[in-house]
Structures are given as structure tokens and as C-alpha cells.
Amino acid sequence: MAAQSESLKFACSPDQAKTLTAHRKGELDLGHRDATWFLLATCDVPEPDVHEPADWVGVDRGIVNLASTSDGDNHQGRVVPAALLERVVRSGVRAGRASPR
């Protein structure tokens, strides 16, 4: 059986079309399963750059210590230093909810 080259229209998202155009390797295959057609393509997409944070702080909330930071500071009582509170708020950490007993 000889291979044929034909035009075939298909639908996909703009992002998928861009990836297919830029990174396709080899041939395309047309598959059929459960009354649905699929276009099978191999794409060689480069690995994205890994983002390493320059500065961060981890905060554990507890019962004995209100907050313990990854810097090693423990904060107890009702007063949390403004600088710590600002760092936590900036990081986008949401307060946990107590579970009902």
C-alpha cells in the first residue's frame, strides 16, 4: 500500500496549532476510536526554564507557637510583628479554617 499525501482539515485550539506548527517531528497519524477521530502527532517541545525564587519565607501555624518561620523565628501570643505579617500577606498565603468538632 502506497502512502498518500492529502490535505485534511481539522480543528484545534490556537495554542495547539502553534505547538504543532513549531515543534512537529515526523509524520502525522489519523486514529479512530469510539466514533471519534484523532490526529496523532509527535512534538519535540523544549523544557521550560525553571524559576528559582530569590527570597521566600515559610510559615507554619501551630497551637503553642502562633507562627514559626523557616528563618527559625517563633512568634507567640496575639502580637505578630508587622514585618512578618506583611511578608505573609505578600506571599498570598490564606489562613486555614478550623475544623468543626
N, C-alpha and C. Protein backbone atom coordinates (compact mmCIF):
# COMPACT_ATOMS: atom_id res chain seq x y z
N MET A 1 0.84 -1.17 0.00
CA MET A 1 0.00 0.00 0.00
C MET A 1 0.89 1.24 0.00
N ALA A 2 0.68 2.11 -0.92
CA ALA A 2 1.48 3.32 -1.04
C ALA A 2 0.93 4.42 -0.15
N ALA A 3 1.82 5.20 0.46
CA ALA A 3 1.39 6.32 1.30
C ALA A 3 0.90 7.45 0.41
N GLN A 4 -0.12 8.13 0.88
CA GLN A 4 -0.68 9.24 0.12
C GLN A 4 -0.55 10.52 0.93
N SER A 5 -0.32 11.60 0.24
CA SER A 5 -0.25 12.90 0.87
C SER A 5 -1.49 13.68 0.47
N GLU A 6 -2.34 13.94 1.42
CA GLU A 6 -3.57 14.67 1.16
C GLU A 6 -3.74 15.76 2.19
N SER A 7 -4.54 16.75 1.84
CA SER A 7 -4.88 17.80 2.80
C SER A 7 -6.06 17.34 3.62
N LEU A 8 -5.99 17.57 4.90
CA LEU A 8 -7.05 17.18 5.81
C LEU A 8 -7.29 18.34 6.77
N LYS A 9 -8.51 18.84 6.79
CA LYS A 9 -8.84 19.93 7.71
C LYS A 9 -9.18 19.34 9.07
N PHE A 10 -8.73 20.03 10.12
CA PHE A 10 -9.04 19.60 11.48
C PHE A 10 -9.16 20.84 12.36
N ALA A 11 -9.77 20.68 13.51
CA ALA A 11 -9.96 21.79 14.45
C ALA A 11 -9.11 21.57 15.69
N CYS A 12 -8.52 22.64 16.18
CA CYS A 12 -7.77 22.60 17.44
C CYS A 12 -7.69 24.03 17.98
N SER A 13 -7.19 24.15 19.19
CA SER A 13 -7.05 25.47 19.80
C SER A 13 -5.88 26.21 19.14
N PRO A 14 -5.85 27.53 19.24
CA PRO A 14 -4.72 28.29 18.69
C PRO A 14 -3.38 27.87 19.31
N ASP A 15 -3.38 27.56 20.60
CA ASP A 15 -2.13 27.13 21.25
C ASP A 15 -1.66 25.79 20.69
N GLN A 16 -2.60 24.86 20.46
CA GLN A 16 -2.23 23.56 19.90
C GLN A 16 -1.70 23.71 18.47
N ALA A 17 -2.34 24.58 17.69
CA ALA A 17 -1.89 24.80 16.31
C ALA A 17 -0.48 25.40 16.29
N LYS A 18 -0.21 26.32 17.22
CA LYS A 18 1.11 26.94 17.30
C LYS A 18 2.17 25.90 17.67
N THR A 19 1.87 25.05 18.66
CA THR A 19 2.80 24.00 19.07
C THR A 19 3.04 23.01 17.94
N LEU A 20 1.98 22.61 17.27
CA LEU A 20 2.10 21.66 16.17
C LEU A 20 2.95 22.22 15.04
N THR A 21 2.74 23.48 14.71
CA THR A 21 3.49 24.11 13.63
C THR A 21 4.97 24.27 14.00
N ALA A 22 5.25 24.65 15.22
CA ALA A 22 6.62 24.95 15.62
C ALA A 22 7.44 23.72 15.99
N HIS A 23 6.80 22.66 16.52
CA HIS A 23 7.58 21.57 17.12
C HIS A 23 7.27 20.18 16.58
N ARG A 24 6.51 20.06 15.51
CA ARG A 24 6.14 18.73 14.99
C ARG A 24 7.37 18.00 14.48
N LYS A 25 7.45 16.72 14.82
CA LYS A 25 8.53 15.86 14.36
C LYS A 25 7.92 14.64 13.68
N GLY A 26 8.35 14.36 12.48
CA GLY A 26 7.90 13.16 11.80
C GLY A 26 6.52 13.28 11.19
N GLU A 27 5.90 12.13 11.02
CA GLU A 27 4.60 12.05 10.34
C GLU A 27 3.45 12.26 11.32
N LEU A 28 2.30 12.52 10.73
CA LEU A 28 1.05 12.60 11.48
C LEU A 28 0.26 11.34 11.21
N ASP A 29 -0.46 10.87 12.21
CA ASP A 29 -1.32 9.70 12.04
C ASP A 29 -2.75 10.09 12.37
N LEU A 30 -3.67 9.46 11.69
CA LEU A 30 -5.09 9.68 11.94
C LEU A 30 -5.63 8.44 12.62
N GLY A 31 -6.22 8.62 13.81
CA GLY A 31 -6.75 7.49 14.56
C GLY A 31 -8.25 7.61 14.75
N HIS A 32 -8.88 6.46 14.95
CA HIS A 32 -10.33 6.41 15.15
C HIS A 32 -10.63 5.52 16.33
N ARG A 33 -11.41 6.03 17.30
CA ARG A 33 -11.76 5.24 18.47
C ARG A 33 -13.10 5.73 19.00
N ASP A 34 -14.00 4.80 19.25
CA ASP A 34 -15.32 5.12 19.81
C ASP A 34 -16.02 6.23 19.04
N ALA A 35 -16.05 6.10 17.73
CA ALA A 35 -16.73 7.03 16.83
C ALA A 35 -16.14 8.44 16.85
N THR A 36 -14.88 8.57 17.30
CA THR A 36 -14.22 9.88 17.32
C THR A 36 -12.88 9.76 16.61
N TRP A 37 -12.57 10.74 15.79
CA TRP A 37 -11.30 10.77 15.06
C TRP A 37 -10.29 11.60 15.83
N PHE A 38 -9.03 11.17 15.81
CA PHE A 38 -7.94 11.87 16.49
C PHE A 38 -6.79 12.06 15.52
N LEU A 39 -6.14 13.23 15.59
CA LEU A 39 -4.91 13.48 14.86
C LEU A 39 -3.77 13.25 15.84
N LEU A 40 -2.92 12.28 15.55
CA LEU A 40 -1.82 11.93 16.44
C LEU A 40 -0.53 12.53 15.89
N ALA A 41 0.13 13.32 16.71
CA ALA A 41 1.35 13.99 16.29
C ALA A 41 2.40 13.91 17.38
N THR A 42 3.65 13.78 16.99
CA THR A 42 4.76 13.82 17.94
C THR A 42 5.39 15.20 17.85
N CYS A 43 5.51 15.86 18.99
CA CYS A 43 6.12 17.19 19.04
C CYS A 43 7.30 17.16 20.00
N ASP A 44 8.39 17.77 19.60
CA ASP A 44 9.58 17.87 20.45
C ASP A 44 9.59 19.28 21.05
N VAL A 45 8.98 19.41 22.22
CA VAL A 45 8.84 20.71 22.88
C VAL A 45 9.97 20.87 23.89
N PRO A 46 10.71 21.99 23.84
CA PRO A 46 11.81 22.18 24.79
C PRO A 46 11.29 22.34 26.22
N GLU A 47 12.11 21.93 27.18
CA GLU A 47 11.75 22.07 28.59
C GLU A 47 11.73 23.55 28.96
N PRO A 48 10.74 23.98 29.74
CA PRO A 48 10.70 25.39 30.15
C PRO A 48 11.79 25.68 31.17
N ASP A 49 12.18 26.95 31.25
CA ASP A 49 13.17 27.36 32.24
C ASP A 49 12.55 27.22 33.63
N VAL A 50 13.35 26.76 34.57
CA VAL A 50 12.88 26.59 35.94
C VAL A 50 13.06 27.91 36.68
N HIS A 51 11.99 28.36 37.31
CA HIS A 51 12.05 29.62 38.08
C HIS A 51 12.44 29.30 39.52
N GLU A 52 13.55 29.82 39.95
CA GLU A 52 14.00 29.65 41.32
C GLU A 52 13.72 30.96 42.07
N PRO A 53 12.93 30.91 43.14
CA PRO A 53 12.65 32.14 43.88
C PRO A 53 13.92 32.68 44.53
N ALA A 54 14.06 34.00 44.53
CA ALA A 54 15.24 34.63 45.11
C ALA A 54 15.09 34.78 46.63
N ASP A 55 13.87 35.04 47.09
CA ASP A 55 13.65 35.27 48.51
C ASP A 55 12.27 34.74 48.87
N TRP A 56 12.20 33.96 49.93
CA TRP A 56 10.92 33.42 50.36
C TRP A 56 10.98 33.08 51.83
N VAL A 57 9.83 32.92 52.42
CA VAL A 57 9.75 32.53 53.81
C VAL A 57 8.60 31.54 53.96
N GLY A 58 8.82 30.49 54.71
CA GLY A 58 7.76 29.53 55.00
C GLY A 58 7.25 29.78 56.41
N VAL A 59 5.94 29.68 56.59
CA VAL A 59 5.34 29.92 57.90
C VAL A 59 4.48 28.73 58.26
N ASP A 60 4.75 28.13 59.43
CA ASP A 60 3.92 27.07 59.97
C ASP A 60 3.11 27.65 61.12
N ARG A 61 1.82 27.39 61.09
CA ARG A 61 0.95 27.86 62.17
C ARG A 61 0.73 26.71 63.14
N GLY A 62 0.76 27.01 64.42
CA GLY A 62 0.60 25.96 65.40
C GLY A 62 -0.20 26.41 66.60
N ILE A 63 -0.27 25.52 67.60
CA ILE A 63 -1.03 25.82 68.80
C ILE A 63 -0.14 26.49 69.85
N VAL A 64 1.04 25.94 70.10
CA VAL A 64 1.94 26.52 71.08
C VAL A 64 2.56 27.80 70.53
N ASN A 65 3.11 27.72 69.32
CA ASN A 65 3.66 28.89 68.66
C ASN A 65 2.66 29.35 67.61
N LEU A 66 2.25 30.60 67.70
CA LEU A 66 1.28 31.13 66.74
C LEU A 66 1.81 31.00 65.32
N ALA A 67 3.11 31.32 65.13
CA ALA A 67 3.74 31.20 63.81
C ALA A 67 5.20 30.87 64.00
N SER A 68 5.70 29.91 63.23
CA SER A 68 7.12 29.57 63.20
C SER A 68 7.58 29.73 61.76
N THR A 69 8.59 30.56 61.56
CA THR A 69 9.05 30.82 60.19
C THR A 69 10.20 29.89 59.85
N SER A 70 10.47 29.77 58.55
CA SER A 70 11.59 28.94 58.09
C SER A 70 12.92 29.58 58.45
N ASP A 71 12.89 30.87 58.86
CA ASP A 71 14.10 31.54 59.34
C ASP A 71 14.48 31.11 60.74
N GLY A 72 13.55 30.38 61.43
CA GLY A 72 13.82 29.92 62.79
C GLY A 72 13.19 30.79 63.86
N ASP A 73 12.44 31.81 63.49
CA ASP A 73 11.79 32.67 64.47
C ASP A 73 10.47 32.05 64.90
N ASN A 74 10.19 32.09 66.20
CA ASN A 74 8.91 31.64 66.74
C ASN A 74 8.16 32.85 67.29
N HIS A 75 6.89 32.93 67.00
CA HIS A 75 6.07 34.05 67.45
C HIS A 75 4.90 33.50 68.23
N GLN A 76 4.73 34.02 69.47
CA GLN A 76 3.67 33.54 70.34
C GLN A 76 2.77 34.70 70.73
N GLY A 77 1.58 34.37 71.19
CA GLY A 77 0.66 35.39 71.69
C GLY A 77 -0.13 36.03 70.57
N ARG A 78 -0.73 37.16 70.90
CA ARG A 78 -1.62 37.84 69.96
C ARG A 78 -0.88 38.79 69.02
N VAL A 79 0.31 39.22 69.39
CA VAL A 79 1.01 40.23 68.60
C VAL A 79 1.97 39.54 67.63
N VAL A 80 1.74 39.74 66.35
CA VAL A 80 2.64 39.25 65.32
C VAL A 80 3.33 40.48 64.73
N PRO A 81 4.66 40.49 64.68
CA PRO A 81 5.36 41.67 64.16
C PRO A 81 4.85 42.07 62.77
N ALA A 82 4.75 43.37 62.55
CA ALA A 82 4.20 43.90 61.29
C ALA A 82 5.00 43.41 60.09
N ALA A 83 6.33 43.31 60.24
CA ALA A 83 7.16 42.87 59.12
C ALA A 83 6.83 41.44 58.73
N LEU A 84 6.61 40.55 59.72
CA LEU A 84 6.25 39.17 59.43
C LEU A 84 4.87 39.10 58.79
N LEU A 85 3.93 39.85 59.34
CA LEU A 85 2.57 39.85 58.80
C LEU A 85 2.56 40.35 57.35
N GLU A 86 3.35 41.36 57.06
CA GLU A 86 3.42 41.89 55.70
C GLU A 86 4.01 40.86 54.74
N ARG A 87 5.04 40.12 55.17
CA ARG A 87 5.64 39.09 54.31
C ARG A 87 4.65 37.97 54.02
N VAL A 88 3.87 37.58 55.02
CA VAL A 88 2.88 36.52 54.83
C VAL A 88 1.78 36.99 53.89
N VAL A 89 1.29 38.20 54.08
CA VAL A 89 0.23 38.73 53.22
C VAL A 89 0.71 38.86 51.79
N ARG A 90 1.94 39.34 51.60
CA ARG A 90 2.50 39.49 50.26
C ARG A 90 2.65 38.15 49.55
N SER A 91 2.92 37.09 50.31
CA SER A 91 3.13 35.78 49.70
C SER A 91 1.83 35.16 49.22
N GLY A 92 0.69 35.71 49.64
CA GLY A 92 -0.59 35.20 49.17
C GLY A 92 -1.09 34.01 49.96
N VAL A 93 -0.51 33.71 51.11
CA VAL A 93 -0.95 32.58 51.93
C VAL A 93 -2.28 32.93 52.58
N ARG A 94 -3.24 32.01 52.45
CA ARG A 94 -4.54 32.23 53.08
C ARG A 94 -4.57 31.52 54.42
N ALA A 95 -5.32 32.07 55.34
CA ALA A 95 -5.45 31.45 56.65
C ALA A 95 -6.26 30.18 56.54
N GLY A 96 -5.86 29.16 57.29
CA GLY A 96 -6.60 27.91 57.30
C GLY A 96 -7.86 28.04 58.15
N ARG A 97 -8.81 27.16 57.93
CA ARG A 97 -10.04 27.18 58.71
C ARG A 97 -9.98 26.06 59.74
N ALA A 98 -10.49 26.36 60.92
CA ALA A 98 -10.55 25.33 61.95
C ALA A 98 -11.68 24.36 61.60
N SER A 99 -11.42 23.08 61.80
CA SER A 99 -12.46 22.09 61.51
C SER A 99 -13.44 22.01 62.68
N PRO A 100 -14.73 21.86 62.38
CA PRO A 100 -15.71 21.77 63.46
C PRO A 100 -15.55 20.45 64.22
N ARG A 101 -15.78 20.48 65.51
CA ARG A 101 -15.66 19.26 66.32
C ARG A 101 -16.99 18.81 66.78
